[in-house]
Amino acid sequence: MHDDPLYAEARALAGSIAAIRRATGKMNPTDLQEGSEEWERVCLDFVNDLRWALGLEKVASGGQINCNVARGD
């Protein structure tokens, strides 16, 4: 699975978003205790940044997300 070019591309995109967020003073999910309310909020914000980079609509507040990509799993 980890030798799949699409996986590598997704990881590169997530890494780029994380670097941009860090450079602009935003927190990343990896900066917080997993499962905390703030972690959930930052995960949603991270996903919205990823969706923006892909030209997609934002996830509505309270939407279901999976932050494993942000953690590197």
PDB file of N, CA and C in Angstrom:
ATOM      1  N   MET A   1       0.819  -1.198   0.000  1.00  0.00           N
ATOM      2  CA  MET A   1       0.000   0.000   0.000  1.00  0.00           C
ATOM      3  C   MET A   1       0.859   1.256   0.000  1.00  0.00           C
ATOM      4  N   HIS A   2       1.934   1.270   0.770  1.00  0.00           N
ATOM      5  CA  HIS A   2       2.740   2.484   0.875  1.00  0.00           C
ATOM      6  C   HIS A   2       3.590   2.740  -0.365  1.00  0.00           C
ATOM      7  N   ASP A   3       3.637   1.780  -1.294  1.00  0.00           N
ATOM      8  CA  ASP A   3       4.362   2.028  -2.537  1.00  0.00           C
ATOM      9  C   ASP A   3       3.427   2.488  -3.656  1.00  0.00           C
ATOM     10  N   ASP A   4       2.165   2.684  -3.334  1.00  0.00           N
ATOM     11  CA  ASP A   4       1.180   3.175  -4.301  1.00  0.00           C
ATOM     12  C   ASP A   4       1.449   4.656  -4.580  1.00  0.00           C
ATOM     13  N   PRO A   5       1.599   5.044  -5.842  1.00  0.00           N
ATOM     14  CA  PRO A   5       1.858   6.452  -6.172  1.00  0.00           C
ATOM     15  C   PRO A   5       0.770   7.404  -5.670  1.00  0.00           C
ATOM     16  N   LEU A   6      -0.478   6.958  -5.661  1.00  0.00           N
ATOM     17  CA  LEU A   6      -1.563   7.803  -5.173  1.00  0.00           C
ATOM     18  C   LEU A   6      -1.421   8.054  -3.670  1.00  0.00           C
ATOM     19  N   TYR A   7      -0.992   7.028  -2.933  1.00  0.00           N
ATOM     20  CA  TYR A   7      -0.751   7.182  -1.491  1.00  0.00           C
ATOM     21  C   TYR A   7       0.351   8.221  -1.271  1.00  0.00           C
ATOM     22  N   ALA A   8       1.431   8.120  -2.033  1.00  0.00           N
ATOM     23  CA  ALA A   8       2.537   9.074  -1.907  1.00  0.00           C
ATOM     24  C   ALA A   8       2.073  10.490  -2.239  1.00  0.00           C
ATOM     25  N   GLU A   9       1.236  10.620  -3.237  1.00  0.00           N
ATOM     26  CA  GLU A   9       0.710  11.933  -3.618  1.00  0.00           C
ATOM     27  C   GLU A   9      -0.177  12.513  -2.509  1.00  0.00           C
ATOM     28  N   ALA A  10      -1.007  11.666  -1.915  1.00  0.00           N
ATOM     29  CA  ALA A  10      -1.878  12.113  -0.818  1.00  0.00           C
ATOM     30  C   ALA A  10      -1.051  12.538   0.390  1.00  0.00           C
ATOM     31  N   ARG A  11      -0.011  11.786   0.711  1.00  0.00           N
ATOM     32  CA  ARG A  11       0.862  12.133   1.835  1.00  0.00           C
ATOM     33  C   ARG A  11       1.580  13.454   1.561  1.00  0.00           C
ATOM     34  N   ALA A  12       2.025  13.656   0.327  1.00  0.00           N
ATOM     35  CA  ALA A  12       2.703  14.904  -0.027  1.00  0.00           C
ATOM     36  C   ALA A  12       1.751  16.090   0.106  1.00  0.00           C
ATOM     37  N   LEU A  13       0.516  15.926  -0.330  1.00  0.00           N
ATOM     38  CA  LEU A  13      -0.466  16.998  -0.209  1.00  0.00           C
ATOM     39  C   LEU A  13      -0.739  17.306   1.260  1.00  0.00           C
ATOM     40  N   ALA A  14      -0.943  16.268   2.069  1.00  0.00           N
ATOM     41  CA  ALA A  14      -1.189  16.471   3.504  1.00  0.00           C
ATOM     42  C   ALA A  14       0.013  17.147   4.162  1.00  0.00           C
ATOM     43  N   GLY A  15       1.220  16.743   3.771  1.00  0.00           N
ATOM     44  CA  GLY A  15       2.422  17.377   4.320  1.00  0.00           C
ATOM     45  C   GLY A  15       2.538  18.836   3.920  1.00  0.00           C
ATOM     46  N   SER A  16       2.173  19.136   2.688  1.00  0.00           N
ATOM     47  CA  SER A  16       2.200  20.528   2.228  1.00  0.00           C
ATOM     48  C   SER A  16       1.197  21.382   2.990  1.00  0.00           C
ATOM     49  N   ILE A  17      -0.006  20.852   3.175  1.00  0.00           N
ATOM     50  CA  ILE A  17      -1.028  21.588   3.929  1.00  0.00           C
ATOM     51  C   ILE A  17      -0.561  21.800   5.360  1.00  0.00           C
ATOM     52  N   ALA A  18       0.022  20.771   5.976  1.00  0.00           N
ATOM     53  CA  ALA A  18       0.519  20.905   7.350  1.00  0.00           C
ATOM     54  C   ALA A  18       1.598  21.982   7.434  1.00  0.00           C
ATOM     55  N   ALA A  19       2.505  22.026   6.456  1.00  0.00           N
ATOM     56  CA  ALA A  19       3.569  23.033   6.456  1.00  0.00           C
ATOM     57  C   ALA A  19       3.003  24.440   6.276  1.00  0.00           C
ATOM     58  N   ILE A  20       2.048  24.588   5.387  1.00  0.00           N
ATOM     59  CA  ILE A  20       1.414  25.895   5.169  1.00  0.00           C
ATOM     60  C   ILE A  20       0.691  26.342   6.432  1.00  0.00           C
ATOM     61  N   ARG A  21      -0.030  25.408   7.062  1.00  0.00           N
ATOM     62  CA  ARG A  21      -0.739  25.743   8.304  1.00  0.00           C
ATOM     63  C   ARG A  21       0.253  26.186   9.380  1.00  0.00           C
ATOM     64  N   ARG A  22       1.341  25.457   9.513  1.00  0.00           N
ATOM     65  CA  ARG A  22       2.356  25.800  10.512  1.00  0.00           C
ATOM     66  C   ARG A  22       2.941  27.186  10.220  1.00  0.00           C
ATOM     67  N   ALA A  23       3.234  27.459   8.949  1.00  0.00           N
ATOM     68  CA  ALA A  23       3.827  28.744   8.559  1.00  0.00           C
ATOM     69  C   ALA A  23       2.879  29.915   8.792  1.00  0.00           C
ATOM     70  N   THR A  24       1.583  29.651   8.763  1.00  0.00           N
ATOM     71  CA  THR A  24       0.604  30.720   8.970  1.00  0.00           C
ATOM     72  C   THR A  24       0.086  30.767  10.408  1.00  0.00           C
ATOM     73  N   GLY A  25       0.711  29.992  11.285  1.00  0.00           N
ATOM     74  CA  GLY A  25       0.353  30.037  12.700  1.00  0.00           C
ATOM     75  C   GLY A  25      -0.824  29.171  13.100  1.00  0.00           C
ATOM     76  N   LYS A  26      -1.309  28.339  12.180  1.00  0.00           N
ATOM     77  CA  LYS A  26      -2.417  27.433  12.509  1.00  0.00           C
ATOM     78  C   LYS A  26      -1.857  26.146  13.104  1.00  0.00           C
ATOM     79  N   MET A  27      -2.625  25.543  13.995  1.00  0.00           N
ATOM     80  CA  MET A  27      -2.231  24.265  14.571  1.00  0.00           C
ATOM     81  C   MET A  27      -2.609  23.136  13.621  1.00  0.00           C
ATOM     82  N   ASN A  28      -1.893  22.017  13.743  1.00  0.00           N
ATOM     83  CA  ASN A  28      -2.197  20.796  13.018  1.00  0.00           C
ATOM     84  C   ASN A  28      -2.699  19.755  14.014  1.00  0.00           C
ATOM     85  N   PRO A  29      -3.443  18.760  13.549  1.00  0.00           N
ATOM     86  CA  PRO A  29      -3.929  17.725  14.465  1.00  0.00           C
ATOM     87  C   PRO A  29      -2.813  17.064  15.277  1.00  0.00           C
ATOM     88  N   THR A  30      -1.638  16.922  14.691  1.00  0.00           N
ATOM     89  CA  THR A  30      -0.525  16.287  15.403  1.00  0.00           C
ATOM     90  C   THR A  30      -0.001  17.134  16.556  1.00  0.00           C
ATOM     91  N   ASP A  31      -0.392  18.390  16.636  1.00  0.00           N
ATOM     92  CA  ASP A  31       0.040  19.283  17.713  1.00  0.00           C
ATOM     93  C   ASP A  31      -0.784  19.100  18.982  1.00  0.00           C
ATOM     94  N   LEU A  32      -1.864  18.345  18.907  1.00  0.00           N
ATOM     95  CA  LEU A  32      -2.835  18.280  19.997  1.00  0.00           C
ATOM     96  C   LEU A  32      -3.061  16.855  20.481  1.00  0.00           C
ATOM     97  N   GLN A  33      -3.650  16.754  21.666  1.00  0.00           N
ATOM     98  CA  GLN A  33      -4.021  15.456  22.227  1.00  0.00           C
ATOM     99  C   GLN A  33      -5.167  14.870  21.409  1.00  0.00           C
ATOM    100  N   GLU A  34      -4.945  13.690  20.844  1.00  0.00           N
ATOM    101  CA  GLU A  34      -5.971  13.054  20.026  1.00  0.00           C
ATOM    102  C   GLU A  34      -7.246  12.825  20.834  1.00  0.00           C
ATOM    103  N   GLY A  35      -8.361  13.199  20.238  1.00  0.00           N
ATOM    104  CA  GLY A  35      -9.660  12.999  20.857  1.00  0.00           C
ATOM    105  C   GLY A  35     -10.192  14.193  21.628  1.00  0.00           C
ATOM    106  N   SER A  36      -9.340  15.195  21.875  1.00  0.00           N
ATOM    107  CA  SER A  36      -9.804  16.379  22.604  1.00  0.00           C
ATOM    108  C   SER A  36     -10.729  17.206  21.712  1.00  0.00           C
ATOM    109  N   GLU A  37     -11.501  18.090  22.337  1.00  0.00           N
ATOM    110  CA  GLU A  37     -12.394  18.955  21.556  1.00  0.00           C
ATOM    111  C   GLU A  37     -11.605  19.828  20.592  1.00  0.00           C
ATOM    112  N   GLU A  38     -10.469  20.354  21.044  1.00  0.00           N
ATOM    113  CA  GLU A  38      -9.656  21.206  20.171  1.00  0.00           C
ATOM    114  C   GLU A  38      -9.098  20.387  19.007  1.00  0.00           C
ATOM    115  N   TRP A  39      -8.687  19.145  19.271  1.00  0.00           N
ATOM    116  CA  TRP A  39      -8.186  18.266  18.216  1.00  0.00           C
ATOM    117  C   TRP A  39      -9.263  18.054  17.156  1.00  0.00           C
ATOM    118  N   GLU A  40     -10.503  17.813  17.597  1.00  0.00           N
ATOM    119  CA  GLU A  40     -11.614  17.630  16.660  1.00  0.00           C
ATOM    120  C   GLU A  40     -11.802  18.877  15.797  1.00  0.00           C
ATOM    121  N   ARG A  41     -11.740  20.056  16.420  1.00  0.00           N
ATOM    122  CA  ARG A  41     -11.906  21.316  15.689  1.00  0.00           C
ATOM    123  C   ARG A  41     -10.777  21.506  14.680  1.00  0.00           C
ATOM    124  N   VAL A  42      -9.538  21.243  15.106  1.00  0.00           N
ATOM    125  CA  VAL A  42      -8.386  21.417  14.225  1.00  0.00           C
ATOM    126  C   VAL A  42      -8.415  20.391  13.093  1.00  0.00           C
ATOM    127  N   CYS A  43      -8.872  19.172  13.383  1.00  0.00           N
ATOM    128  CA  CYS A  43      -9.011  18.164  12.324  1.00  0.00           C
ATOM    129  C   CYS A  43      -9.972  18.639  11.240  1.00  0.00           C
ATOM    130  N   LEU A  44     -11.099  19.168  11.657  1.00  0.00           N
ATOM    131  CA  LEU A  44     -12.082  19.660  10.691  1.00  0.00           C
ATOM    132  C   LEU A  44     -11.501  20.809   9.867  1.00  0.00           C
ATOM    133  N   ASP A  45     -10.779  21.705  10.519  1.00  0.00           N
ATOM    134  CA  ASP A  45     -10.145  22.820   9.818  1.00  0.00           C
ATOM    135  C   ASP A  45      -9.084  22.300   8.839  1.00  0.00           C
ATOM    136  N   PHE A  46      -8.308  21.288   9.261  1.00  0.00           N
ATOM    137  CA  PHE A  46      -7.290  20.682   8.403  1.00  0.00           C
ATOM    138  C   PHE A  46      -7.941  20.057   7.167  1.00  0.00           C
ATOM    139  N   VAL A  47      -9.014  19.321   7.378  1.00  0.00           N
ATOM    140  CA  VAL A  47      -9.726  18.696   6.261  1.00  0.00           C
ATOM    141  C   VAL A  47     -10.276  19.757   5.317  1.00  0.00           C
ATOM    142  N   ASN A  48     -10.785  20.839   5.868  1.00  0.00           N
ATOM    143  CA  ASN A  48     -11.283  21.920   5.013  1.00  0.00           C
ATOM    144  C   ASN A  48     -10.155  22.531   4.190  1.00  0.00           C
ATOM    145  N   ASP A  49      -8.965  22.649   4.769  1.00  0.00           N
ATOM    146  CA  ASP A  49      -7.822  23.148   3.994  1.00  0.00           C
ATOM    147  C   ASP A  49      -7.450  22.172   2.882  1.00  0.00           C
ATOM    148  N   LEU A  50      -7.495  20.871   3.177  1.00  0.00           N
ATOM    149  CA  LEU A  50      -7.232  19.867   2.140  1.00  0.00           C
ATOM    150  C   LEU A  50      -8.276  19.950   1.027  1.00  0.00           C
ATOM    151  N   ARG A  51      -9.524  20.066   1.426  1.00  0.00           N
ATOM    152  CA  ARG A  51     -10.597  20.164   0.435  1.00  0.00           C
ATOM    153  C   ARG A  51     -10.442  21.426  -0.409  1.00  0.00           C
ATOM    154  N   TRP A  52     -10.039  22.536   0.211  1.00  0.00           N
ATOM    155  CA  TRP A  52      -9.795  23.774  -0.533  1.00  0.00           C
ATOM    156  C   TRP A  52      -8.690  23.541  -1.571  1.00  0.00           C
ATOM    157  N   ALA A  53      -7.606  22.866  -1.155  1.00  0.00           N
ATOM    158  CA  ALA A  53      -6.492  22.610  -2.071  1.00  0.00           C
ATOM    159  C   ALA A  53      -6.925  21.747  -3.256  1.00  0.00           C
ATOM    160  N   LEU A  54      -7.930  20.914  -3.041  1.00  0.00           N
ATOM    161  CA  LEU A  54      -8.444  20.051  -4.106  1.00  0.00           C
ATOM    162  C   LEU A  54      -9.576  20.696  -4.900  1.00  0.00           C
ATOM    163  N   GLY A  55      -9.961  21.916  -4.504  1.00  0.00           N
ATOM    164  CA  GLY A  55     -11.033  22.617  -5.200  1.00  0.00           C
ATOM    165  C   GLY A  55     -12.418  22.112  -4.837  1.00  0.00           C
ATOM    166  N   LEU A  56     -12.559  21.549  -3.636  1.00  0.00           N
ATOM    167  CA  LEU A  56     -13.839  21.004  -3.186  1.00  0.00           C
ATOM    168  C   LEU A  56     -14.483  21.914  -2.157  1.00  0.00           C
ATOM    169  N   GLU A  57     -15.765  21.662  -1.876  1.00  0.00           N
ATOM    170  CA  GLU A  57     -16.479  22.438  -0.866  1.00  0.00           C
ATOM    171  C   GLU A  57     -16.019  22.041   0.531  1.00  0.00           C
ATOM    172  N   LYS A  58     -16.217  22.959   1.475  1.00  0.00           N
ATOM    173  CA  LYS A  58     -15.859  22.687   2.862  1.00  0.00           C
ATOM    174  C   LYS A  58     -16.807  21.670   3.479  1.00  0.00           C
ATOM    175  N   VAL A  59     -16.294  20.969   4.498  1.00  0.00           N
ATOM    176  CA  VAL A  59     -17.118  20.070   5.302  1.00  0.00           C
ATOM    177  C   VAL A  59     -17.898  20.935   6.277  1.00  0.00           C
ATOM    178  N   ALA A  60     -19.185  20.691   6.408  1.00  0.00           N
ATOM    179  CA  ALA A  60     -20.010  21.468   7.337  1.00  0.00           C
ATOM    180  C   ALA A  60     -19.543  21.242   8.770  1.00  0.00           C
ATOM    181  N   SER A  61     -19.706  22.240   9.600  1.00  0.00           N
ATOM    182  CA  SER A  61     -19.360  22.120  11.012  1.00  0.00           C
ATOM    183  C   SER A  61     -20.099  20.934  11.606  1.00  0.00           C
ATOM    184  N   GLY A  62     -19.368  20.124  12.359  1.00  0.00           N
ATOM    185  CA  GLY A  62     -19.970  18.935  12.948  1.00  0.00           C
ATOM    186  C   GLY A  62     -19.955  17.741  12.012  1.00  0.00           C
ATOM    187  N   GLY A  63     -19.323  17.905  10.838  1.00  0.00           N
ATOM    188  CA  GLY A  63     -19.247  16.805   9.888  1.00  0.00           C
ATOM    189  C   GLY A  63     -18.357  15.684  10.396  1.00  0.00           C
ATOM    190  N   GLN A  64     -18.587  14.489   9.905  1.00  0.00           N
ATOM    191  CA  GLN A  64     -17.787  13.335  10.296  1.00  0.00           C
ATOM    192  C   GLN A  64     -16.517  13.313   9.453  1.00  0.00           C
ATOM    193  N   ILE A  65     -15.382  13.226  10.126  1.00  0.00           N
ATOM    194  CA  ILE A  65     -14.106  13.188   9.433  1.00  0.00           C
ATOM    195  C   ILE A  65     -13.222  12.132  10.061  1.00  0.00           C
ATOM    196  N   ASN A  66     -12.153  11.767   9.373  1.00  0.00           N
ATOM    197  CA  ASN A  66     -11.163  10.832   9.874  1.00  0.00           C
ATOM    198  C   ASN A  66      -9.819  11.524   9.756  1.00  0.00           C
ATOM    199  N   CYS A  67      -9.147  11.717  10.869  1.00  0.00           N
ATOM    200  CA  CYS A  67      -7.891  12.465  10.869  1.00  0.00           C
ATOM    201  C   CYS A  67      -6.666  11.581  10.715  1.00  0.00           C
ATOM    202  N   ASN A  68      -6.820  10.332  10.325  1.00  0.00           N
ATOM    203  CA  ASN A  68      -5.661   9.463  10.198  1.00  0.00           C
ATOM    204  C   ASN A  68      -4.648   9.997   9.200  1.00  0.00           C
ATOM    205  N   VAL A  69      -5.106  10.631   8.119  1.00  0.00           N
ATOM    206  CA  VAL A  69      -4.166  11.179   7.144  1.00  0.00           C
ATOM    207  C   VAL A  69      -3.318  12.274   7.769  1.00  0.00           C
ATOM    208  N   ALA A  70      -3.886  13.028   8.686  1.00  0.00           N
ATOM    209  CA  ALA A  70      -3.143  14.093   9.344  1.00  0.00           C
ATOM    210  C   ALA A  70      -2.100  13.524  10.300  1.00  0.00           C
ATOM    211  N   ARG A  71      -2.367  12.336  10.847  1.00  0.00           N
ATOM    212  CA  ARG A  71      -1.437  11.702  11.777  1.00  0.00           C
ATOM    213  C   ARG A  71      -0.368  10.925  11.042  1.00  0.00           C
ATOM    214  N   GLY A  72      -0.603  10.581   9.800  1.00  0.00           N
ATOM    215  CA  GLY A  72       0.365   9.805   9.042  1.00  0.00           C
ATOM    216  C   GLY A  72       0.093   8.315   9.060  1.00  0.00           C
ATOM    217  N   ASP A  73      -1.089   7.887   9.490  1.00  0.00           N
ATOM    218  CA  ASP A  73      -1.438   6.462   9.513  1.00  0.00           C
ATOM    219  C   ASP A  73      -1.797   5.971   8.132  1.00  0.00           C
TER     220      ASP A  73
END
